[in-house]
PDB file of N, CA and C in Angstrom:
ATOM      1  N   ALA A   1      -2.904 -12.415   2.554  1.00  0.00           N
ATOM      2  CA  ALA A   1      -1.932 -12.476   1.859  1.00  0.00           C
ATOM      3  C   ALA A   1      -0.742 -11.921   2.128  1.00  0.00           C
ATOM      4  N   ASN A   2       0.297 -12.690   2.088  1.00  0.00           N
ATOM      5  CA  ASN A   2       1.426 -12.548   2.893  1.00  0.00           C
ATOM      6  C   ASN A   2       2.344 -12.005   2.065  1.00  0.00           C
ATOM      7  N   LEU A   3       2.573 -10.174   1.538  1.00  0.00           N
ATOM      8  CA  LEU A   3       3.233  -9.857   0.380  1.00  0.00           C
ATOM      9  C   LEU A   3       4.559  -9.116   0.912  1.00  0.00           C
ATOM     10  N   THR A   4       5.216  -9.381   1.962  1.00  0.00           N
ATOM     11  CA  THR A   4       6.099  -9.305   2.928  1.00  0.00           C
ATOM     12  C   THR A   4       7.071  -9.317   2.000  1.00  0.00           C
ATOM     13  N   ASP A   5       8.024  -7.850   1.373  1.00  0.00           N
ATOM     14  CA  ASP A   5       9.396  -7.716   0.430  1.00  0.00           C
ATOM     15  C   ASP A   5       8.722  -7.667  -0.780  1.00  0.00           C
ATOM     16  N   ALA A   6       7.638  -7.720  -0.817  1.00  0.00           N
ATOM     17  CA  ALA A   6       7.257  -7.804  -2.294  1.00  0.00           C
ATOM     18  C   ALA A   6       7.836  -6.771  -3.332  1.00  0.00           C
ATOM     19  N   ASN A   7       7.875  -7.349  -4.683  1.00  0.00           N
ATOM     20  CA  ASN A   7       8.152  -6.159  -5.396  1.00  0.00           C
ATOM     21  C   ASN A   7       7.057  -5.917  -6.495  1.00  0.00           C
ATOM     22  N   LEU A   8       6.047  -4.627  -6.116  1.00  0.00           N
ATOM     23  CA  LEU A   8       5.018  -5.022  -7.139  1.00  0.00           C
ATOM     24  C   LEU A   8       5.263  -3.673  -7.572  1.00  0.00           C
ATOM     25  N   THR A   9       6.141  -3.298  -8.153  1.00  0.00           N
ATOM     26  CA  THR A   9       6.383  -2.039  -9.153  1.00  0.00           C
ATOM     27  C   THR A   9       5.750  -1.935 -10.379  1.00  0.00           C
ATOM     28  N   ASP A  10       5.139  -1.252 -10.585  1.00  0.00           N
ATOM     29  CA  ASP A  10       4.331  -0.618 -11.943  1.00  0.00           C
ATOM     30  C   ASP A  10       3.175  -1.863 -11.760  1.00  0.00           C
ATOM     31  N   ALA A  11       2.730  -2.446 -10.555  1.00  0.00           N
ATOM     32  CA  ALA A  11       1.801  -3.581 -10.597  1.00  0.00           C
ATOM     33  C   ALA A  11      -0.129  -3.061 -10.653  1.00  0.00           C
ATOM     34  N   ASN A  12      -0.582  -3.278 -11.849  1.00  0.00           N
ATOM     35  CA  ASN A  12      -2.068  -2.949 -11.785  1.00  0.00           C
ATOM     36  C   ASN A  12      -3.171  -3.853 -10.818  1.00  0.00           C
ATOM     37  N   LEU A  13      -3.159  -3.702  -9.611  1.00  0.00           N
ATOM     38  CA  LEU A  13      -3.930  -4.147  -9.013  1.00  0.00           C
ATOM     39  C   LEU A  13      -5.396  -3.492  -8.491  1.00  0.00           C
ATOM     40  N   THR A  14      -6.049  -2.878  -9.622  1.00  0.00           N
ATOM     41  CA  THR A  14      -7.038  -2.375  -9.496  1.00  0.00           C
ATOM     42  C   THR A  14      -8.456  -3.407  -9.357  1.00  0.00           C
ATOM     43  N   ASP A  15      -9.183  -3.132  -8.301  1.00  0.00           N
ATOM     44  CA  ASP A  15     -10.322  -3.686  -7.690  1.00  0.00           C
ATOM     45  C   ASP A  15      -9.864  -4.940  -6.640  1.00  0.00           C
ATOM     46  N   ALA A  16      -8.412  -5.003  -6.538  1.00  0.00           N
ATOM     47  CA  ALA A  16      -8.149  -6.536  -5.497  1.00  0.00           C
ATOM     48  C   ALA A  16      -8.685  -6.217  -4.015  1.00  0.00           C
ATOM     49  N   ASN A  17      -8.921  -7.285  -3.673  1.00  0.00           N
ATOM     50  CA  ASN A  17      -9.057  -6.861  -2.257  1.00  0.00           C
ATOM     51  C   ASN A  17      -7.972  -7.669  -1.219  1.00  0.00           C
ATOM     52  N   LEU A  18      -7.445  -6.591  -0.860  1.00  0.00           N
ATOM     53  CA  LEU A  18      -6.161  -7.292  -0.411  1.00  0.00           C
ATOM     54  C   LEU A  18      -6.385  -7.390   1.819  1.00  0.00           C
ATOM     55  N   THR A  19      -7.621  -7.008   2.123  1.00  0.00           N
ATOM     56  CA  THR A  19      -8.177  -7.173   3.558  1.00  0.00           C
ATOM     57  C   THR A  19      -6.941  -7.878   4.076  1.00  0.00           C
ATOM     58  N   ASP A  20      -6.423  -7.410   5.135  1.00  0.00           N
ATOM     59  CA  ASP A  20      -5.627  -8.331   6.131  1.00  0.00           C
ATOM     60  C   ASP A  20      -4.174  -8.234   5.902  1.00  0.00           C
ATOM     61  N   ALA A  21      -4.186  -7.612   4.084  1.00  0.00           N
ATOM     62  CA  ALA A  21      -2.701  -8.345   3.995  1.00  0.00           C
ATOM     63  C   ALA A  21      -1.471  -7.655   4.430  1.00  0.00           C
ATOM     64  N   ASN A  22      -0.310  -8.243   4.758  1.00  0.00           N
ATOM     65  CA  ASN A  22       0.834  -8.159   4.966  1.00  0.00           C
ATOM     66  C   ASN A  22       1.484  -7.628   3.477  1.00  0.00           C
ATOM     67  N   LEU A  23       2.216  -6.129   4.019  1.00  0.00           N
ATOM     68  CA  LEU A  23       2.760  -5.901   2.883  1.00  0.00           C
ATOM     69  C   LEU A  23       4.036  -4.946   3.370  1.00  0.00           C
ATOM     70  N   SER A  24       4.485  -5.209   4.456  1.00  0.00           N
ATOM     71  CA  SER A  24       5.756  -5.159   5.001  1.00  0.00           C
ATOM     72  C   SER A  24       6.734  -4.716   4.264  1.00  0.00           C
ATOM     73  N   ASN A  25       7.236  -3.899   3.992  1.00  0.00           N
ATOM     74  CA  ASN A  25       8.673  -3.541   2.862  1.00  0.00           C
ATOM     75  C   ASN A  25       8.288  -3.400   1.556  1.00  0.00           C
ATOM     76  N   ALA A  26       7.365  -3.856   1.256  1.00  0.00           N
ATOM     77  CA  ALA A  26       6.868  -4.093  -0.089  1.00  0.00           C
ATOM     78  C   ALA A  26       6.848  -2.850  -0.909  1.00  0.00           C
ATOM     79  N   ASN A  27       7.503  -2.886  -2.527  1.00  0.00           N
ATOM     80  CA  ASN A  27       7.441  -2.010  -3.008  1.00  0.00           C
ATOM     81  C   ASN A  27       6.639  -1.680  -4.272  1.00  0.00           C
ATOM     82  N   LEU A  28       5.766  -0.583  -3.752  1.00  0.00           N
ATOM     83  CA  LEU A  28       4.260  -0.487  -4.579  1.00  0.00           C
ATOM     84  C   LEU A  28       4.503   0.656  -6.017  1.00  0.00           C
ATOM     85  N   THR A  29       5.873   0.769  -6.034  1.00  0.00           N
ATOM     86  CA  THR A  29       6.020   1.943  -6.737  1.00  0.00           C
ATOM     87  C   THR A  29       5.997   2.129  -8.160  1.00  0.00           C
ATOM     88  N   GLY A  30       4.499   3.223  -8.267  1.00  0.00           N
ATOM     89  CA  GLY A  30       4.066   3.333  -9.291  1.00  0.00           C
ATOM     90  C   GLY A  30       2.583   2.349 -10.108  1.00  0.00           C
ATOM     91  N   ALA A  31       2.280   1.755  -8.664  1.00  0.00           N
ATOM     92  CA  ALA A  31       1.389   1.170  -8.995  1.00  0.00           C
ATOM     93  C   ALA A  31      -0.348   1.282  -9.078  1.00  0.00           C
ATOM     94  N   THR A  32      -1.239   0.692  -9.713  1.00  0.00           N
ATOM     95  CA  THR A  32      -2.433   1.320  -9.565  1.00  0.00           C
ATOM     96  C   THR A  32      -2.930   0.564  -8.485  1.00  0.00           C
ATOM     97  N   LEU A  33      -3.707   1.077  -7.596  1.00  0.00           N
ATOM     98  CA  LEU A  33      -4.344   0.478  -6.369  1.00  0.00           C
ATOM     99  C   LEU A  33      -5.754   1.480  -6.593  1.00  0.00           C
ATOM    100  N   THR A  34      -6.323   1.342  -7.722  1.00  0.00           N
ATOM    101  CA  THR A  34      -7.550   2.074  -7.217  1.00  0.00           C
ATOM    102  C   THR A  34      -8.655   0.808  -7.290  1.00  0.00           C
ATOM    103  N   ASN A  35      -9.380   1.663  -6.316  1.00  0.00           N
ATOM    104  CA  ASN A  35     -10.606   0.683  -5.558  1.00  0.00           C
ATOM    105  C   ASN A  35      -9.825  -0.214  -4.681  1.00  0.00           C
ATOM    106  N   VAL A  36      -8.915  -0.530  -4.724  1.00  0.00           N
ATOM    107  CA  VAL A  36      -8.372  -1.760  -3.684  1.00  0.00           C
ATOM    108  C   VAL A  36      -9.008  -1.701  -2.406  1.00  0.00           C
ATOM    109  N   ILE A  37      -8.883  -2.664  -1.468  1.00  0.00           N
ATOM    110  CA  ILE A  37      -9.558  -2.682  -0.102  1.00  0.00           C
ATOM    111  C   ILE A  37      -8.147  -3.241   0.461  1.00  0.00           C
ATOM    112  N   LEU A  38      -7.725  -2.552   1.613  1.00  0.00           N
ATOM    113  CA  LEU A  38      -6.608  -2.547   2.195  1.00  0.00           C
ATOM    114  C   LEU A  38      -6.992  -2.266   3.872  1.00  0.00           C
ATOM    115  N   SER A  39      -7.736  -2.833   3.830  1.00  0.00           N
ATOM    116  CA  SER A  39      -8.442  -2.254   5.380  1.00  0.00           C
ATOM    117  C   SER A  39      -7.657  -3.548   6.227  1.00  0.00           C
ATOM    118  N   ASN A  40      -7.048  -3.205   7.235  1.00  0.00           N
ATOM    119  CA  ASN A  40      -6.356  -4.133   8.098  1.00  0.00           C
ATOM    120  C   ASN A  40      -5.504  -4.233   7.648  1.00  0.00           C
ATOM    121  N   ALA A  41      -4.706  -4.020   6.354  1.00  0.00           N
ATOM    122  CA  ALA A  41      -3.435  -4.333   5.686  1.00  0.00           C
ATOM    123  C   ALA A  41      -2.176  -3.676   6.810  1.00  0.00           C
ATOM    124  N   ASN A  42      -1.205  -4.196   6.281  1.00  0.00           N
ATOM    125  CA  ASN A  42       0.259  -3.757   7.493  1.00  0.00           C
ATOM    126  C   ASN A  42       1.030  -3.269   6.076  1.00  0.00           C
ATOM    127  N   LEU A  43       1.246  -2.152   6.426  1.00  0.00           N
ATOM    128  CA  LEU A  43       2.000  -1.277   5.340  1.00  0.00           C
ATOM    129  C   LEU A  43       3.205  -0.791   5.553  1.00  0.00           C
ATOM    130  N   THR A  44       3.928  -1.344   7.343  1.00  0.00           N
ATOM    131  CA  THR A  44       4.966  -0.942   7.748  1.00  0.00           C
ATOM    132  C   THR A  44       5.934  -1.151   6.347  1.00  0.00           C
ATOM    133  N   GLY A  45       6.534   0.285   6.305  1.00  0.00           N
ATOM    134  CA  GLY A  45       8.010   0.315   5.373  1.00  0.00           C
ATOM    135  C   GLY A  45       7.244   0.306   4.353  1.00  0.00           C
ATOM    136  N   ALA A  46       6.372  -0.127   3.843  1.00  0.00           N
ATOM    137  CA  ALA A  46       5.828  -0.185   2.279  1.00  0.00           C
ATOM    138  C   ALA A  46       5.911   1.134   1.072  1.00  0.00           C
ATOM    139  N   THR A  47       6.738   0.862   0.263  1.00  0.00           N
ATOM    140  CA  THR A  47       6.967   2.286  -0.570  1.00  0.00           C
ATOM    141  C   THR A  47       5.856   2.275  -1.262  1.00  0.00           C
ATOM    142  N   LEU A  48       4.991   3.408  -1.243  1.00  0.00           N
ATOM    143  CA  LEU A  48       3.927   3.730  -2.136  1.00  0.00           C
ATOM    144  C   LEU A  48       4.392   4.933  -3.378  1.00  0.00           C
ATOM    145  N   ALA A  49       5.599   5.409  -3.272  1.00  0.00           N
ATOM    146  CA  ALA A  49       5.789   6.311  -4.420  1.00  0.00           C
ATOM    147  C   ALA A  49       5.212   6.263  -5.706  1.00  0.00           C
ATOM    148  N   ASN A  50       4.542   7.633  -5.968  1.00  0.00           N
ATOM    149  CA  ASN A  50       3.482   7.561  -7.459  1.00  0.00           C
ATOM    150  C   ASN A  50       2.725   6.492  -7.771  1.00  0.00           C
ATOM    151  N   THR A  51       2.061   6.307  -6.566  1.00  0.00           N
ATOM    152  CA  THR A  51       1.324   5.465  -6.057  1.00  0.00           C
ATOM    153  C   THR A  51      -0.184   5.627  -6.748  1.00  0.00           C
ATOM    154  N   ASP A  52      -1.091   4.988  -7.422  1.00  0.00           N
ATOM    155  CA  ASP A  52      -2.651   5.890  -7.315  1.00  0.00           C
ATOM    156  C   ASP A  52      -3.534   5.437  -6.585  1.00  0.00           C
ATOM    157  N   LEU A  53      -3.949   6.140  -5.670  1.00  0.00           N
ATOM    158  CA  LEU A  53      -4.845   5.447  -4.623  1.00  0.00           C
ATOM    159  C   LEU A  53      -5.993   6.025  -4.498  1.00  0.00           C
ATOM    160  N   SER A  54      -6.582   6.050  -5.638  1.00  0.00           N
ATOM    161  CA  SER A  54      -8.091   6.299  -5.687  1.00  0.00           C
ATOM    162  C   SER A  54      -9.140   5.495  -5.224  1.00  0.00           C
ATOM    163  N   GLY A  55      -9.793   5.896  -4.632  1.00  0.00           N
ATOM    164  CA  GLY A  55     -10.724   4.957  -4.182  1.00  0.00           C
ATOM    165  C   GLY A  55     -10.189   3.786  -3.050  1.00  0.00           C
ATOM    166  N   VAL A  56      -9.111   3.771  -2.507  1.00  0.00           N
ATOM    167  CA  VAL A  56      -8.588   2.970  -2.113  1.00  0.00           C
ATOM    168  C   VAL A  56      -9.246   2.608  -0.450  1.00  0.00           C
ATOM    169  N   THR A  57      -9.651   1.714   0.167  1.00  0.00           N
ATOM    170  CA  THR A  57      -9.982   1.497   1.444  1.00  0.00           C
ATOM    171  C   THR A  57      -9.038   1.251   2.603  1.00  0.00           C
ATOM    172  N   LEU A  58      -8.666   2.056   3.329  1.00  0.00           N
ATOM    173  CA  LEU A  58      -7.772   2.150   4.115  1.00  0.00           C
ATOM    174  C   LEU A  58      -7.864   1.588   5.859  1.00  0.00           C
ATOM    175  N   THR A  59      -9.055   1.310   6.068  1.00  0.00           N
ATOM    176  CA  THR A  59      -9.539   1.475   7.301  1.00  0.00           C
ATOM    177  C   THR A  59      -8.816   0.283   8.147  1.00  0.00           C
ATOM    178  N   GLY A  60      -8.490   0.608   9.138  1.00  0.00           N
ATOM    179  CA  GLY A  60      -7.606  -0.014  10.030  1.00  0.00           C
ATOM    180  C   GLY A  60      -6.211  -0.142   9.354  1.00  0.00           C
ATOM    181  N   ALA A  61      -5.827  -0.343   8.762  1.00  0.00           N
ATOM    182  CA  ALA A  61      -3.970  -0.006   8.188  1.00  0.00           C
ATOM    183  C   ALA A  61      -3.388   0.377   9.243  1.00  0.00           C
ATOM    184  N   THR A  62      -2.245  -0.601   8.925  1.00  0.00           N
ATOM    185  CA  THR A  62      -1.320  -0.044  10.248  1.00  0.00           C
ATOM    186  C   THR A  62       0.046   0.468   9.408  1.00  0.00           C
ATOM    187  N   TRP A  63       0.093   1.889   9.854  1.00  0.00           N
ATOM    188  CA  TRP A  63       1.395   2.619   8.561  1.00  0.00           C
ATOM    189  C   TRP A  63       2.514   2.852  10.301  1.00  0.00           C
ATOM    190  N   SER A  64       3.838   2.537   9.324  1.00  0.00           N
ATOM    191  CA  SER A  64       4.981   2.861  10.265  1.00  0.00           C
ATOM    192  C   SER A  64       5.938   2.976   9.276  1.00  0.00           C
ATOM    193  N   ASN A  65       6.723   4.077   9.351  1.00  0.00           N
ATOM    194  CA  ASN A  65       8.139   4.146   8.119  1.00  0.00           C
ATOM    195  C   ASN A  65       7.715   4.041   6.540  1.00  0.00           C
ATOM    196  N   THR A  66       6.415   4.721   6.574  1.00  0.00           N
ATOM    197  CA  THR A  66       5.151   3.932   4.980  1.00  0.00           C
ATOM    198  C   THR A  66       6.097   5.330   4.129  1.00  0.00           C
ATOM    199  N   THR A  67       6.256   5.006   3.343  1.00  0.00           N
ATOM    200  CA  THR A  67       6.793   6.318   1.804  1.00  0.00           C
ATOM    201  C   THR A  67       5.019   6.433   0.838  1.00  0.00           C
ATOM    202  N   CYS A  68       4.858   7.395   1.364  1.00  0.00           N
ATOM    203  CA  CYS A  68       3.671   8.154   0.810  1.00  0.00           C
ATOM    204  C   CYS A  68       3.690   8.422  -0.649  1.00  0.00           C
ATOM    205  N   PRO A  69       2.542   7.981  -1.409  1.00  0.00           N
ATOM    206  CA  PRO A  69       2.506   8.486  -3.075  1.00  0.00           C
ATOM    207  C   PRO A  69       3.584  10.132  -3.535  1.00  0.00           C
ATOM    208  N   ASP A  70       3.426  10.644  -2.661  1.00  0.00           N
ATOM    209  CA  ASP A  70       4.238  12.159  -2.955  1.00  0.00           C
ATOM    210  C   ASP A  70       5.913  12.155  -2.386  1.00  0.00           C
ATOM    211  N   GLY A  71       6.350  11.016  -1.836  1.00  0.00           N
ATOM    212  CA  GLY A  71       7.206  10.914  -1.452  1.00  0.00           C
ATOM    213  C   GLY A  71       7.323  11.015   0.024  1.00  0.00           C
ATOM    214  N   TYR A  72       6.447  11.276   1.020  1.00  0.00           N
ATOM    215  CA  TYR A  72       6.432  11.913   2.575  1.00  0.00           C
ATOM    216  C   TYR A  72       6.553  10.555   3.015  1.00  0.00           C
ATOM    217  N   VAL A  73       7.156  10.460   4.226  1.00  0.00           N
ATOM    218  CA  VAL A  73       7.683   9.259   4.997  1.00  0.00           C
ATOM    219  C   VAL A  73       6.569   9.317   6.336  1.00  0.00           C
ATOM    220  N   THR A  74       5.253   8.117   6.432  1.00  0.00           N
ATOM    221  CA  THR A  74       4.442   8.939   7.562  1.00  0.00           C
ATOM    222  C   THR A  74       4.495   7.476   8.779  1.00  0.00           C
ATOM    223  N   ASN A  75       3.616   7.735   9.884  1.00  0.00           N
ATOM    224  CA  ASN A  75       3.499   6.600  10.704  1.00  0.00           C
ATOM    225  C   ASN A  75       2.096   6.611  10.634  1.00  0.00           C
ATOM    226  N   ASN A  76       1.557   7.836  10.203  1.00  0.00           N
ATOM    227  CA  ASN A  76       0.122   8.264  10.402  1.00  0.00           C
ATOM    228  C   ASN A  76      -0.849   7.791   9.138  1.00  0.00           C
ATOM    229  N   GLY A  77      -0.427   7.357   8.006  1.00  0.00           N
ATOM    230  CA  GLY A  77      -1.308   7.381   6.810  1.00  0.00           C
ATOM    231  C   GLY A  77      -1.218   8.441   6.104  1.00  0.00           C
ATOM    232  N   CYS A  78      -1.455   8.298   4.318  1.00  0.00           N
ATOM    233  CA  CYS A  78      -0.708   8.805   3.510  1.00  0.00           C
ATOM    234  C   CYS A  78      -2.583   9.707   3.039  1.00  0.00           C
TER     235      CYS A  78
END
């Protein structure tokens, strides 16, 4: 899925399979990503502030200038 620049603020994506998704610069502030599969997803520039990452699979995800749930910006994963 190409979700580049998507505004997913407060979205409930529980149990979604977003393998290989492009979430570059996507705004996921406050989203619920419980049990979401984000294997090989591109999270470059994505904002995950206040996002629930419980049970998320992030194997092979790309991190660059990504804002984590706690507000920390990382290039290495949240």
